[in-house]
Amino acid sequence: MRIDGVEFESLVGLHVLDGRGEYVSCDSGGPLALMDARAVVLRIDGKLYRFAESPNDGYRSSLGTIDVIDPADVPPGSFVPFQAMAITIRRFHGKRPGSEYYLDDVIVAVSEAHGMAVFVVGTENTDDYYPSFCSRWTPDGDPSCVYLRTSEDPS
């Protein structure tokens, strides 16, 4: 999947994560330009990646764009650098483990230190009437992350 210049697949693999931010923007473009849209910024290997929500019609949302941005494009006070952590990013595209209904398309970052998910971002329920943008950040690791409950490599 290619989203606005950045290949989802190009993020798969071993990386260094050392900063995160989140903000709400009213600049989502299109006929619903005044709708609030969430954006998550992650500094991966020294580059700032913005994962921006497409709010669609307000009931449905999805991951709209992934792009590399300049630090000046991040609103002041919305980004926090932290001690670098080694992560492996995996892509999960398919039915959510343990469910026969939900089809998700997300990337999951797994900490090399403790093997647990530290962030998930993408679109959940892609085949549902109400798909939704998801962004979960658990810096200490999420031992219950559903995308790690499979013996198959989800990438």
N, C-alpha and C. Protein backbone atom coordinates (compact mmCIF):
# COMPACT_ATOMS: atom_id res chain seq x y z
N MET A 1 0.85 -1.17 0.00
CA MET A 1 0.00 0.00 0.00
C MET A 1 0.90 1.24 0.00
N ARG A 2 0.61 2.18 -0.87
CA ARG A 2 1.35 3.44 -0.94
C ARG A 2 0.42 4.55 -0.49
N ILE A 3 0.87 5.31 0.50
CA ILE A 3 0.06 6.41 0.99
C ILE A 3 0.89 7.68 0.92
N ASP A 4 0.52 8.56 0.01
CA ASP A 4 1.11 9.89 -0.09
C ASP A 4 2.63 9.89 -0.07
N GLY A 5 3.23 9.08 -0.90
CA GLY A 5 4.68 9.12 -1.03
C GLY A 5 5.44 8.14 -0.16
N VAL A 6 4.85 7.60 0.87
CA VAL A 6 5.54 6.64 1.74
C VAL A 6 4.87 5.29 1.59
N GLU A 7 5.66 4.30 1.27
CA GLU A 7 5.15 2.93 1.19
C GLU A 7 4.98 2.36 2.60
N PHE A 8 3.82 1.81 2.89
CA PHE A 8 3.60 1.12 4.15
C PHE A 8 4.72 0.10 4.35
N GLU A 9 5.00 -0.64 3.28
CA GLU A 9 5.99 -1.72 3.36
C GLU A 9 7.40 -1.21 3.65
N SER A 10 7.71 0.05 3.27
CA SER A 10 9.05 0.56 3.51
C SER A 10 9.34 0.77 4.99
N LEU A 11 8.31 0.78 5.81
CA LEU A 11 8.49 0.94 7.25
C LEU A 11 8.70 -0.39 7.96
N VAL A 12 8.47 -1.50 7.28
CA VAL A 12 8.61 -2.81 7.90
C VAL A 12 10.09 -3.11 8.13
N GLY A 13 10.42 -3.57 9.34
CA GLY A 13 11.79 -3.95 9.65
C GLY A 13 12.28 -3.31 10.94
N LEU A 14 13.59 -3.40 11.17
CA LEU A 14 14.23 -2.90 12.38
C LEU A 14 14.51 -1.40 12.25
N HIS A 15 14.14 -0.63 13.28
CA HIS A 15 14.31 0.82 13.27
C HIS A 15 14.63 1.33 14.66
N VAL A 16 14.91 2.63 14.74
CA VAL A 16 15.09 3.31 16.01
C VAL A 16 13.98 4.36 16.13
N LEU A 17 13.26 4.32 17.24
CA LEU A 17 12.19 5.27 17.53
C LEU A 17 12.65 6.14 18.69
N ASP A 18 12.56 7.47 18.52
CA ASP A 18 13.02 8.34 19.62
C ASP A 18 12.19 9.60 19.80
N GLY A 19 10.94 9.56 19.36
CA GLY A 19 10.06 10.70 19.60
C GLY A 19 8.66 10.43 19.09
N ARG A 20 7.68 11.08 19.73
CA ARG A 20 6.28 10.89 19.36
C ARG A 20 5.49 12.15 19.65
N GLY A 21 4.52 12.40 18.84
CA GLY A 21 3.62 13.52 19.06
C GLY A 21 2.25 13.20 18.52
N GLU A 22 1.26 13.96 18.97
CA GLU A 22 -0.10 13.78 18.48
C GLU A 22 -0.81 15.12 18.57
N TYR A 23 -1.59 15.41 17.55
CA TYR A 23 -2.34 16.66 17.56
C TYR A 23 -3.59 16.50 16.70
N VAL A 24 -4.47 17.47 16.81
CA VAL A 24 -5.70 17.49 16.02
C VAL A 24 -5.59 18.66 15.05
N SER A 25 -5.94 18.38 13.81
CA SER A 25 -5.86 19.40 12.77
C SER A 25 -7.21 19.57 12.12
N CYS A 26 -7.52 20.79 11.75
CA CYS A 26 -8.76 21.06 10.99
C CYS A 26 -8.47 21.08 9.49
N ASP A 27 -7.25 20.84 9.10
CA ASP A 27 -6.86 20.93 7.70
C ASP A 27 -6.83 19.55 7.07
N SER A 28 -7.98 18.89 7.00
CA SER A 28 -8.03 17.54 6.45
C SER A 28 -8.34 17.51 4.96
N GLY A 29 -8.59 18.69 4.37
CA GLY A 29 -8.82 18.78 2.93
C GLY A 29 -10.18 18.27 2.50
N GLY A 30 -10.48 18.43 1.21
CA GLY A 30 -11.72 17.92 0.64
C GLY A 30 -12.94 18.69 1.12
N PRO A 31 -14.14 18.16 0.84
CA PRO A 31 -15.37 18.87 1.18
C PRO A 31 -15.59 18.97 2.68
N LEU A 32 -14.89 18.15 3.46
CA LEU A 32 -15.07 18.18 4.91
C LEU A 32 -13.85 18.82 5.58
N ALA A 33 -13.30 19.84 4.95
CA ALA A 33 -12.05 20.45 5.39
C ALA A 33 -12.12 20.98 6.82
N LEU A 34 -13.28 21.27 7.32
CA LEU A 34 -13.37 21.82 8.67
C LEU A 34 -13.51 20.75 9.74
N MET A 35 -13.55 19.48 9.35
CA MET A 35 -13.63 18.41 10.32
C MET A 35 -12.29 18.19 10.99
N ASP A 36 -12.32 17.93 12.28
CA ASP A 36 -11.09 17.62 12.99
C ASP A 36 -10.54 16.27 12.54
N ALA A 37 -9.23 16.21 12.40
CA ALA A 37 -8.56 14.96 12.04
C ALA A 37 -7.34 14.81 12.94
N ARG A 38 -7.14 13.62 13.44
CA ARG A 38 -5.98 13.36 14.28
C ARG A 38 -4.75 13.11 13.42
N ALA A 39 -3.61 13.47 13.96
CA ALA A 39 -2.34 13.17 13.31
C ALA A 39 -1.37 12.70 14.37
N VAL A 40 -0.65 11.64 14.06
CA VAL A 40 0.37 11.10 14.95
C VAL A 40 1.71 11.30 14.25
N VAL A 41 2.69 11.80 14.99
CA VAL A 41 4.02 12.00 14.44
C VAL A 41 4.99 11.09 15.21
N LEU A 42 5.75 10.31 14.47
CA LEU A 42 6.76 9.44 15.07
C LEU A 42 8.11 9.74 14.43
N ARG A 43 9.15 9.87 15.26
CA ARG A 43 10.49 10.05 14.70
C ARG A 43 11.14 8.67 14.64
N ILE A 44 11.28 8.20 13.41
CA ILE A 44 11.81 6.87 13.14
C ILE A 44 13.08 7.05 12.32
N ASP A 45 14.19 6.54 12.84
CA ASP A 45 15.49 6.66 12.16
C ASP A 45 15.82 8.11 11.80
N GLY A 46 15.44 9.03 12.69
CA GLY A 46 15.77 10.43 12.49
C GLY A 46 14.83 11.21 11.59
N LYS A 47 13.85 10.56 10.98
CA LYS A 47 12.87 11.23 10.12
C LYS A 47 11.54 11.33 10.85
N LEU A 48 10.83 12.43 10.63
CA LEU A 48 9.50 12.60 11.21
C LEU A 48 8.45 12.09 10.23
N TYR A 49 7.73 11.06 10.66
CA TYR A 49 6.64 10.50 9.85
C TYR A 49 5.32 10.95 10.47
N ARG A 50 4.45 11.51 9.63
CA ARG A 50 3.11 11.89 10.10
C ARG A 50 2.10 10.90 9.54
N PHE A 51 1.34 10.31 10.43
CA PHE A 51 0.25 9.39 10.09
C PHE A 51 -1.02 10.18 10.33
N ALA A 52 -1.69 10.61 9.26
CA ALA A 52 -2.83 11.50 9.39
C ALA A 52 -4.14 10.77 9.10
N GLU A 53 -5.11 11.05 9.93
CA GLU A 53 -6.44 10.48 9.79
C GLU A 53 -7.19 11.16 8.66
N SER A 54 -7.96 10.38 7.93
CA SER A 54 -8.95 10.91 7.00
C SER A 54 -10.29 10.73 7.70
N PRO A 55 -10.95 11.83 8.10
CA PRO A 55 -12.18 11.68 8.89
C PRO A 55 -13.39 11.23 8.08
N ASN A 56 -13.24 11.10 6.76
CA ASN A 56 -14.34 10.70 5.89
C ASN A 56 -15.58 11.52 6.19
N ASP A 57 -16.64 10.91 6.71
CA ASP A 57 -17.89 11.64 6.93
C ASP A 57 -18.17 11.92 8.41
N GLY A 58 -17.19 11.66 9.26
CA GLY A 58 -17.39 11.90 10.69
C GLY A 58 -17.81 10.66 11.46
N TYR A 59 -18.43 9.71 10.79
CA TYR A 59 -18.79 8.44 11.42
C TYR A 59 -17.75 7.38 11.10
N ARG A 60 -17.17 7.49 9.91
CA ARG A 60 -16.16 6.56 9.45
C ARG A 60 -14.85 7.33 9.32
N SER A 61 -13.74 6.67 9.61
CA SER A 61 -12.44 7.31 9.42
C SER A 61 -11.44 6.23 9.02
N SER A 62 -10.28 6.66 8.57
CA SER A 62 -9.24 5.72 8.17
C SER A 62 -7.90 6.42 8.19
N LEU A 63 -6.85 5.66 8.04
CA LEU A 63 -5.54 6.27 7.86
C LEU A 63 -5.56 6.92 6.49
N GLY A 64 -5.34 8.22 6.45
CA GLY A 64 -5.44 8.96 5.19
C GLY A 64 -4.11 9.09 4.48
N THR A 65 -3.10 9.59 5.19
CA THR A 65 -1.80 9.81 4.57
C THR A 65 -0.68 9.44 5.53
N ILE A 66 0.42 9.03 4.95
CA ILE A 66 1.68 8.87 5.68
C ILE A 66 2.67 9.70 4.90
N ASP A 67 3.30 10.66 5.57
CA ASP A 67 4.29 11.43 4.85
C ASP A 67 5.44 11.81 5.78
N VAL A 68 6.57 12.12 5.18
CA VAL A 68 7.74 12.61 5.91
C VAL A 68 7.60 14.12 5.96
N ILE A 69 7.71 14.69 7.17
CA ILE A 69 7.49 16.12 7.33
C ILE A 69 8.71 16.81 7.93
N ASP A 70 8.70 18.10 7.83
CA ASP A 70 9.73 18.95 8.40
C ASP A 70 9.37 19.23 9.86
N PRO A 71 10.35 19.36 10.76
CA PRO A 71 10.02 19.67 12.16
C PRO A 71 9.16 20.93 12.32
N ALA A 72 9.30 21.88 11.41
CA ALA A 72 8.49 23.11 11.49
C ALA A 72 7.01 22.84 11.26
N ASP A 73 6.67 21.68 10.68
CA ASP A 73 5.27 21.34 10.42
C ASP A 73 4.55 20.76 11.63
N VAL A 74 5.29 20.53 12.71
CA VAL A 74 4.70 19.96 13.93
C VAL A 74 4.32 21.11 14.85
N PRO A 75 3.05 21.19 15.28
CA PRO A 75 2.64 22.27 16.18
C PRO A 75 3.49 22.29 17.46
N PRO A 76 3.87 23.47 17.91
CA PRO A 76 4.67 23.59 19.13
C PRO A 76 4.02 22.88 20.31
N GLY A 77 4.81 22.18 21.08
CA GLY A 77 4.33 21.51 22.27
C GLY A 77 3.64 20.18 22.04
N SER A 78 3.55 19.74 20.80
CA SER A 78 2.83 18.48 20.53
C SER A 78 3.77 17.30 20.28
N PHE A 79 5.08 17.51 20.38
CA PHE A 79 6.04 16.45 20.10
C PHE A 79 6.97 16.28 21.30
N VAL A 80 7.19 15.04 21.70
CA VAL A 80 8.05 14.75 22.84
C VAL A 80 9.15 13.78 22.44
N PRO A 81 10.42 14.23 22.47
CA PRO A 81 11.52 13.29 22.24
C PRO A 81 11.73 12.43 23.49
N PHE A 82 12.26 11.25 23.31
CA PHE A 82 12.55 10.37 24.44
C PHE A 82 13.77 9.52 24.11
N GLN A 83 14.21 8.75 25.11
CA GLN A 83 15.37 7.89 24.90
C GLN A 83 15.09 6.91 23.78
N ALA A 84 16.05 6.78 22.88
CA ALA A 84 15.87 5.92 21.71
C ALA A 84 15.59 4.48 22.12
N MET A 85 14.68 3.86 21.36
CA MET A 85 14.39 2.44 21.57
C MET A 85 14.43 1.73 20.22
N ALA A 86 14.97 0.53 20.22
CA ALA A 86 14.99 -0.29 19.01
C ALA A 86 13.62 -0.95 18.87
N ILE A 87 13.07 -0.86 17.66
CA ILE A 87 11.76 -1.45 17.39
C ILE A 87 11.81 -2.24 16.09
N THR A 88 10.94 -3.20 15.99
CA THR A 88 10.70 -3.89 14.72
C THR A 88 9.28 -3.57 14.32
N ILE A 89 9.12 -3.00 13.13
CA ILE A 89 7.79 -2.67 12.63
C ILE A 89 7.30 -3.81 11.76
N ARG A 90 6.09 -4.24 12.03
CA ARG A 90 5.44 -5.30 11.25
C ARG A 90 4.15 -4.73 10.67
N ARG A 91 3.78 -5.22 9.52
CA ARG A 91 2.49 -4.85 8.95
C ARG A 91 1.52 -5.99 9.21
N PHE A 92 0.33 -5.65 9.64
CA PHE A 92 -0.72 -6.65 9.81
C PHE A 92 -1.86 -6.26 8.89
N HIS A 93 -2.16 -7.12 7.92
CA HIS A 93 -3.28 -6.90 7.02
C HIS A 93 -4.05 -8.21 6.95
N GLY A 94 -5.22 -8.22 7.55
CA GLY A 94 -6.02 -9.43 7.55
C GLY A 94 -7.02 -9.41 8.69
N LYS A 95 -7.64 -10.57 8.90
CA LYS A 95 -8.61 -10.68 9.99
C LYS A 95 -7.88 -10.61 11.32
N ARG A 96 -8.43 -9.83 12.21
CA ARG A 96 -7.86 -9.66 13.54
C ARG A 96 -7.81 -11.02 14.24
N PRO A 97 -6.65 -11.39 14.80
CA PRO A 97 -6.56 -12.66 15.51
C PRO A 97 -7.63 -12.77 16.58
N GLY A 98 -8.27 -13.93 16.63
CA GLY A 98 -9.32 -14.16 17.61
C GLY A 98 -10.69 -13.66 17.18
N SER A 99 -10.80 -13.15 15.95
CA SER A 99 -12.08 -12.63 15.49
C SER A 99 -12.38 -13.17 14.10
N GLU A 100 -13.63 -13.41 13.84
CA GLU A 100 -14.00 -13.84 12.49
C GLU A 100 -14.57 -12.68 11.68
N TYR A 101 -14.62 -11.48 12.25
CA TYR A 101 -15.27 -10.37 11.58
C TYR A 101 -14.34 -9.25 11.13
N TYR A 102 -13.45 -8.81 11.98
CA TYR A 102 -12.72 -7.57 11.74
C TYR A 102 -11.52 -7.75 10.83
N LEU A 103 -11.49 -6.97 9.74
CA LEU A 103 -10.37 -6.95 8.81
C LEU A 103 -9.62 -5.65 9.04
N ASP A 104 -8.34 -5.75 9.43
CA ASP A 104 -7.56 -4.58 9.80
C ASP A 104 -6.35 -4.43 8.89
N ASP A 105 -5.88 -3.20 8.74
CA ASP A 105 -4.65 -2.90 8.01
C ASP A 105 -3.87 -1.90 8.85
N VAL A 106 -2.92 -2.41 9.63
CA VAL A 106 -2.18 -1.58 10.58
C VAL A 106 -0.70 -1.94 10.55
N ILE A 107 0.11 -1.04 11.10
CA ILE A 107 1.48 -1.41 11.39
C ILE A 107 1.63 -1.43 12.90
N VAL A 108 2.45 -2.36 13.36
CA VAL A 108 2.67 -2.59 14.78
C VAL A 108 4.17 -2.48 15.04
N ALA A 109 4.55 -1.67 16.01
CA ALA A 109 5.96 -1.56 16.39
C ALA A 109 6.17 -2.36 17.66
N VAL A 110 7.10 -3.29 17.60
CA VAL A 110 7.40 -4.17 18.72
C VAL A 110 8.77 -3.78 19.27
N SER A 111 8.84 -3.55 20.57
CA SER A 111 10.09 -3.20 21.22
C SER A 111 11.05 -4.39 21.19
N GLU A 112 12.27 -4.14 20.79
CA GLU A 112 13.29 -5.19 20.82
C GLU A 112 13.66 -5.53 22.26
N ALA A 113 13.49 -4.60 23.19
CA ALA A 113 13.87 -4.82 24.59
C ALA A 113 12.93 -5.79 25.31
N HIS A 114 11.62 -5.66 25.09
CA HIS A 114 10.68 -6.51 25.85
C HIS A 114 9.70 -7.29 24.99
N GLY A 115 9.74 -7.14 23.67
CA GLY A 115 8.91 -7.95 22.79
C GLY A 115 7.44 -7.61 22.78
N MET A 116 7.07 -6.46 23.35
CA MET A 116 5.67 -6.07 23.37
C MET A 116 5.44 -4.89 22.42
N ALA A 117 4.20 -4.72 22.01
CA ALA A 117 3.83 -3.64 21.10
C ALA A 117 3.94 -2.31 21.81
N VAL A 118 4.58 -1.31 21.15
CA VAL A 118 4.64 0.03 21.72
C VAL A 118 3.75 1.00 20.95
N PHE A 119 3.50 0.71 19.66
CA PHE A 119 2.49 1.50 18.96
C PHE A 119 1.84 0.68 17.86
N VAL A 120 0.59 1.04 17.60
CA VAL A 120 -0.20 0.49 16.50
C VAL A 120 -0.83 1.69 15.82
N VAL A 121 -0.75 1.74 14.49
CA VAL A 121 -1.39 2.82 13.76
C VAL A 121 -1.87 2.28 12.42
N GLY A 122 -3.05 2.72 11.97
CA GLY A 122 -3.61 2.27 10.69
C GLY A 122 -5.12 2.37 10.70
N THR A 123 -5.75 1.45 9.97
CA THR A 123 -7.21 1.42 9.88
C THR A 123 -7.71 0.07 10.37
N GLU A 124 -8.66 0.11 11.29
CA GLU A 124 -9.30 -1.11 11.77
C GLU A 124 -10.68 -1.22 11.14
N ASN A 125 -11.15 -2.44 11.01
CA ASN A 125 -12.48 -2.72 10.44
C ASN A 125 -12.60 -2.19 9.02
N THR A 126 -11.60 -2.43 8.19
CA THR A 126 -11.59 -1.87 6.84
C THR A 126 -12.77 -2.32 5.99
N ASP A 127 -13.31 -3.50 6.26
CA ASP A 127 -14.41 -4.02 5.46
C ASP A 127 -15.78 -3.78 6.10
N ASP A 128 -15.80 -3.01 7.17
CA ASP A 128 -17.03 -2.75 7.91
C ASP A 128 -17.68 -1.45 7.42
N TYR A 129 -18.92 -1.25 7.76
CA TYR A 129 -19.62 -0.01 7.44
C TYR A 129 -18.98 1.16 8.18
N TYR A 130 -18.36 0.89 9.33
CA TYR A 130 -17.72 1.92 10.13
C TYR A 130 -16.23 1.61 10.35
N PRO A 131 -15.40 1.76 9.32
CA PRO A 131 -13.96 1.59 9.55
C PRO A 131 -13.47 2.72 10.46
N SER A 132 -12.32 2.52 11.10
CA SER A 132 -11.85 3.56 12.00
C SER A 132 -10.33 3.66 12.02
N PHE A 133 -9.86 4.90 12.08
CA PHE A 133 -8.45 5.19 12.24
C PHE A 133 -8.06 4.76 13.65
N CYS A 134 -6.93 4.10 13.78
CA CYS A 134 -6.49 3.71 15.12
C CYS A 134 -5.07 4.20 15.35
N SER A 135 -4.82 4.58 16.57
CA SER A 135 -3.50 5.01 17.00
C SER A 135 -3.39 4.70 18.48
N ARG A 136 -2.57 3.72 18.81
CA ARG A 136 -2.39 3.36 20.21
C ARG A 136 -0.90 3.46 20.55
N TRP A 137 -0.59 4.10 21.64
CA TRP A 137 0.77 4.31 22.09
C TRP A 137 0.90 3.77 23.51
N THR A 138 1.72 2.76 23.68
CA THR A 138 1.96 2.16 25.00
C THR A 138 3.47 1.99 25.16
N PRO A 139 4.19 3.05 25.58
CA PRO A 139 5.65 3.01 25.61
C PRO A 139 6.23 1.91 26.49
N ASP A 140 5.48 1.49 27.51
CA ASP A 140 5.98 0.41 28.37
C ASP A 140 5.64 -0.97 27.80
N GLY A 141 4.92 -0.99 26.70
CA GLY A 141 4.56 -2.25 26.05
C GLY A 141 3.17 -2.71 26.40
N ASP A 142 2.50 -3.24 25.39
CA ASP A 142 1.14 -3.75 25.57
C ASP A 142 1.17 -5.26 25.45
N PRO A 143 1.16 -5.96 26.58
CA PRO A 143 1.22 -7.42 26.52
C PRO A 143 -0.04 -8.05 25.95
N SER A 144 -1.13 -7.28 25.86
CA SER A 144 -2.38 -7.84 25.35
C SER A 144 -2.66 -7.45 23.90
N CYS A 145 -1.67 -6.88 23.21
CA CYS A 145 -1.89 -6.44 21.83
C CYS A 145 -2.37 -7.61 20.97
N VAL A 146 -3.55 -7.47 20.43
CA VAL A 146 -4.19 -8.55 19.67
C VAL A 146 -3.37 -8.94 18.44
N TYR A 147 -2.61 -8.00 17.87
CA TYR A 147 -1.86 -8.29 16.65
C TYR A 147 -0.62 -9.14 16.90
N LEU A 148 -0.30 -9.38 18.16
CA LEU A 148 0.82 -10.25 18.48
C LEU A 148 0.36 -11.63 18.94
N ARG A 149 -0.94 -11.87 18.87
CA ARG A 149 -1.51 -13.15 19.32
C ARG A 149 -1.59 -14.19 18.22
N THR A 150 -0.63 -14.21 17.36
CA THR A 150 -0.62 -15.19 16.28
C THR A 150 0.77 -15.76 16.16
N SER A 151 0.86 -16.99 15.78
CA SER A 151 2.16 -17.61 15.60
C SER A 151 2.75 -17.26 14.23
N GLU A 152 1.89 -16.73 13.34
CA GLU A 152 2.36 -16.33 12.03
C GLU A 152 2.99 -14.95 12.09
N ASP A 153 3.98 -14.69 11.27
CA ASP A 153 4.57 -13.36 11.18
C ASP A 153 3.58 -12.48 10.46
N PRO A 154 3.02 -11.43 11.12
CA PRO A 154 1.99 -10.63 10.50
C PRO A 154 2.48 -9.66 9.45
N SER A 155 3.77 -9.60 9.19
CA SER A 155 4.25 -8.64 8.20
C SER A 155 4.12 -9.19 6.79
